[in-house]
Amino acid sequence: MVKEMDGYPGVINSDSTKQQERHYYLLSELQTLVKDLPSSFQQRLSYNTLSDLALALIDGTVYEIVQGLLDIQHLTEKNLYNQRQKLHSEHQALKQDLARKHKDALQSCKSHNLALLKSNQQAETEALEIRVREEQRMMDKKIVTEMDQKVVDQQNTLEKAGVPGFYITTNPQELTVQMNLLELILKLQQKESKPEML
């Protein structure tokens, strides 16, 4: 589209030209990067999708959004990992305390009570194992739920930002396409942030 500048017909707005040049540059770079993806995904990323993605990337806002989403994801992953490690440490401490308690009880036990004590200790150990497994299962379920929610948040944010190919979905094929689109965005951002070598 030719924009009239200062009332002179046919004079092209230089901002428009720069945007068009940037769009062509980004599109060309995306087309090059797509060649590194598996062919099954190359087919899913049409020229129009790449062109729309290049348009969305022109002003750099999407790079900032993606970086922010990645930072949030990394913090969430680190936090969840630390929670799981803390739970594991608590479980190890419980097992050690129980083993110490059992050892002390065995040392002070009269021989006629030994069978009953060992039976009670076996029941205590099994109960603790069940508790540990259940707490670990609940923690893992919490981790999966939180990470699934992060994916939904990311999809929603990128869709609202107008990044093509992003919408809320749990379809594994669509998720893979979205991950490939994110990979393209990140690679392009990395390439643009490095100064050209002479």
Protein backbone atom coordinates (compact mmCIF):
# COMPACT_ATOMS: atom_id res chain seq x y z
CA MET A 1 0.00 0.00 0.00
CA VAL A 2 1.44 3.37 -1.05
CA LYS A 3 0.96 6.10 1.51
CA GLU A 4 0.86 9.70 0.38
CA MET A 5 3.36 11.82 2.24
CA ASP A 6 2.87 15.54 2.80
CA GLY A 7 0.27 15.69 0.05
CA TYR A 8 2.58 14.43 -2.70
CA PRO A 9 0.95 11.48 -4.45
CA GLY A 10 3.21 8.51 -5.12
CA VAL A 11 5.81 9.31 -2.43
CA ILE A 12 6.22 6.19 -0.32
CA ASN A 13 6.41 6.55 3.44
CA SER A 14 9.92 5.48 4.46
CA ASP A 15 8.62 3.76 7.64
CA SER A 16 6.41 1.59 5.48
CA THR A 17 9.37 0.68 3.26
CA LYS A 18 11.51 -0.18 6.29
CA GLN A 19 8.75 -2.37 7.67
CA GLN A 20 8.37 -4.12 4.35
CA GLU A 21 12.12 -4.71 4.12
CA ARG A 22 12.14 -6.04 7.70
CA HIS A 23 9.22 -8.31 6.90
CA TYR A 24 11.04 -9.76 3.88
CA TYR A 25 14.21 -10.20 5.92
CA LEU A 26 12.39 -11.99 8.77
CA LEU A 27 10.43 -14.16 6.34
CA SER A 28 13.63 -15.16 4.54
CA GLU A 29 15.33 -16.00 7.85
CA LEU A 30 12.32 -18.04 9.00
CA GLN A 31 12.28 -19.96 5.71
CA THR A 32 15.96 -20.78 6.22
CA LEU A 33 15.42 -21.86 9.85
CA VAL A 34 12.42 -24.04 8.93
CA LYS A 35 14.72 -26.21 6.82
CA ASP A 36 16.32 -27.47 10.06
CA LEU A 37 12.96 -28.83 11.29
CA PRO A 38 11.73 -32.35 10.47
CA SER A 39 10.00 -32.43 7.07
CA SER A 40 6.66 -33.38 8.65
CA PHE A 41 6.65 -30.00 10.43
CA GLN A 42 7.97 -28.08 7.45
CA GLN A 43 4.79 -29.11 5.64
CA ARG A 44 2.63 -27.80 8.51
CA LEU A 45 4.27 -24.36 8.37
CA SER A 46 2.93 -22.79 5.20
CA TYR A 47 4.32 -19.70 3.50
CA ASN A 48 1.34 -17.73 4.85
CA THR A 49 2.00 -18.90 8.41
CA LEU A 50 5.66 -17.90 8.16
CA SER A 51 4.73 -14.58 6.55
CA ASP A 52 2.25 -13.87 9.36
CA LEU A 53 4.87 -14.87 11.93
CA ALA A 54 7.39 -12.50 10.31
CA LEU A 55 4.79 -9.70 10.53
CA ALA A 56 4.22 -10.44 14.22
CA LEU A 57 7.99 -10.27 14.85
CA ILE A 58 8.66 -6.94 13.11
CA ASP A 59 8.67 -4.68 16.17
CA GLY A 60 10.40 -7.09 18.58
CA THR A 61 7.54 -7.19 21.09
CA VAL A 62 6.97 -10.92 20.55
CA TYR A 63 10.63 -11.58 21.39
CA GLU A 64 10.12 -9.81 24.73
CA ILE A 65 6.90 -11.72 25.41
CA VAL A 66 8.52 -15.08 24.61
CA GLN A 67 11.53 -14.25 26.79
CA GLY A 68 9.21 -13.27 29.65
CA LEU A 69 7.25 -16.51 29.27
CA LEU A 70 10.49 -18.52 29.25
CA ASP A 71 11.72 -16.76 32.39
CA ILE A 72 8.43 -17.54 34.16
CA GLN A 73 8.61 -21.16 32.99
CA HIS A 74 12.19 -21.56 34.23
CA LEU A 75 11.32 -20.05 37.62
CA THR A 76 8.30 -22.34 37.90
CA GLU A 77 10.35 -25.41 36.96
CA LYS A 78 13.06 -24.47 39.47
CA ASN A 79 10.49 -23.86 42.21
CA LEU A 80 8.72 -27.18 41.54
CA TYR A 81 12.05 -29.02 41.43
CA ASN A 82 13.03 -27.48 44.78
CA GLN A 83 9.66 -28.46 46.29
CA ARG A 84 10.14 -32.04 45.10
CA GLN A 85 13.72 -32.13 46.45
CA LYS A 86 12.50 -30.79 49.81
CA LEU A 87 9.83 -33.48 49.98
CA HIS A 88 12.43 -36.13 49.11
CA SER A 89 14.72 -34.85 51.89
CA GLU A 90 11.84 -34.89 54.38
CA HIS A 91 11.08 -38.48 53.39
CA GLN A 92 14.72 -39.51 53.81
CA ALA A 93 14.77 -37.91 57.28
CA LEU A 94 11.54 -39.74 58.26
CA LYS A 95 13.01 -43.08 57.10
CA GLN A 96 16.26 -42.46 59.01
CA ASP A 97 14.36 -41.48 62.18
CA LEU A 98 12.21 -44.58 61.96
CA ALA A 99 15.24 -46.82 61.37
CA ARG A 100 17.00 -45.25 64.39
CA LYS A 101 13.89 -45.67 66.55
CA HIS A 102 13.59 -49.31 65.46
CA LYS A 103 17.26 -50.01 66.16
CA ASP A 104 17.00 -48.49 69.65
CA ALA A 105 13.84 -50.48 70.36
CA LEU A 106 15.48 -53.73 69.21
CA GLN A 107 18.49 -53.16 71.48
CA SER A 108 16.35 -52.67 74.57
CA CYS A 109 13.77 -55.33 73.73
CA LYS A 110 13.35 -58.44 75.86
CA SER A 111 13.68 -61.64 73.85
CA HIS A 112 10.09 -62.80 74.50
CA ASN A 113 8.74 -59.54 72.92
CA LEU A 114 11.08 -59.64 69.90
CA ALA A 115 8.63 -61.25 67.44
CA LEU A 116 5.88 -58.77 68.30
CA LEU A 117 8.27 -55.82 68.08
CA LYS A 118 9.59 -56.90 64.68
CA SER A 119 6.02 -57.37 63.43
CA ASN A 120 5.05 -53.86 64.64
CA GLN A 121 8.19 -52.36 63.15
CA GLN A 122 7.48 -54.04 59.79
CA ALA A 123 3.97 -52.55 59.83
CA GLU A 124 5.37 -49.09 60.69
CA THR A 125 7.93 -49.33 57.86
CA GLU A 126 5.27 -50.39 55.35
CA ALA A 127 2.94 -47.59 56.48
CA LEU A 128 5.75 -45.06 56.01
CA GLU A 129 6.54 -46.44 52.53
CA ILE A 130 2.87 -46.09 51.55
CA ARG A 131 2.78 -42.53 52.88
CA VAL A 132 5.99 -41.63 51.01
CA ARG A 133 4.71 -43.10 47.71
CA GLU A 134 1.38 -41.28 48.06
CA GLU A 135 3.01 -37.93 48.88
CA GLN A 136 5.40 -38.33 45.93
CA ARG A 137 2.48 -39.22 43.64
CA MET A 138 0.58 -36.13 44.81
CA MET A 139 3.65 -33.93 44.30
CA ASP A 140 4.19 -35.31 40.78
CA LYS A 141 0.52 -34.75 39.99
CA LYS A 142 0.84 -31.15 41.24
CA ILE A 143 3.94 -30.63 39.06
CA VAL A 144 2.19 -31.94 35.95
CA THR A 145 -0.89 -29.80 36.65
CA GLU A 146 1.19 -26.64 37.18
CA MET A 147 3.26 -27.24 34.03
CA ASP A 148 0.10 -27.92 32.01
CA GLN A 149 -1.29 -24.61 33.29
CA LYS A 150 1.92 -22.83 32.25
CA VAL A 151 1.46 -24.21 28.71
CA VAL A 152 -2.12 -22.89 28.64
CA ASP A 153 -0.94 -19.50 29.96
CA GLN A 154 1.76 -19.36 27.27
CA GLN A 155 -0.66 -20.33 24.49
CA ASN A 156 -3.18 -17.75 25.68
CA THR A 157 -0.58 -14.97 25.96
CA LEU A 158 0.89 -15.66 22.51
CA GLU A 159 -2.57 -15.92 20.94
CA LYS A 160 -3.55 -12.55 22.46
CA ALA A 161 -0.26 -11.09 21.17
CA GLY A 162 -1.33 -12.14 17.67
CA VAL A 163 1.35 -14.77 17.12
CA PRO A 164 0.08 -17.12 14.40
CA GLY A 165 -0.30 -20.80 15.29
CA PHE A 166 -0.94 -20.17 18.97
CA TYR A 167 -4.22 -20.98 20.65
CA ILE A 168 -5.17 -23.12 23.63
CA THR A 169 -4.94 -26.80 22.72
CA THR A 170 -3.92 -30.11 24.24
CA ASN A 171 -3.59 -31.86 20.86
CA PRO A 172 -0.04 -33.34 20.86
CA GLN A 173 0.51 -32.59 17.14
CA GLU A 174 -0.58 -28.96 17.55
CA LEU A 175 1.58 -28.62 20.66
CA THR A 176 4.57 -29.88 18.67
CA VAL A 177 3.87 -27.32 15.94
CA GLN A 178 3.69 -24.59 18.60
CA MET A 179 6.97 -25.76 20.13
CA ASN A 180 8.56 -25.62 16.68
CA LEU A 181 7.22 -22.10 16.15
CA LEU A 182 8.68 -21.08 19.51
CA GLU A 183 12.00 -22.64 18.53
CA LEU A 184 11.98 -20.60 15.31
CA ILE A 185 11.23 -17.40 17.23
CA LEU A 186 14.02 -18.11 19.73
CA LYS A 187 16.57 -18.96 17.03
CA LEU A 188 15.69 -15.83 15.09
CA GLN A 189 15.89 -13.72 18.25
CA GLN A 190 19.29 -15.22 19.04
CA LYS A 191 20.52 -14.54 15.53
CA GLU A 192 19.31 -10.94 15.63
CA SER A 193 20.83 -10.27 19.04
CA LYS A 194 24.31 -11.29 17.84
CA PRO A 195 26.18 -8.67 15.85
CA GLU A 196 27.05 -9.74 12.33
CA MET A 197 30.60 -11.02 11.97
CA LEU A 198 32.62 -9.22 9.31
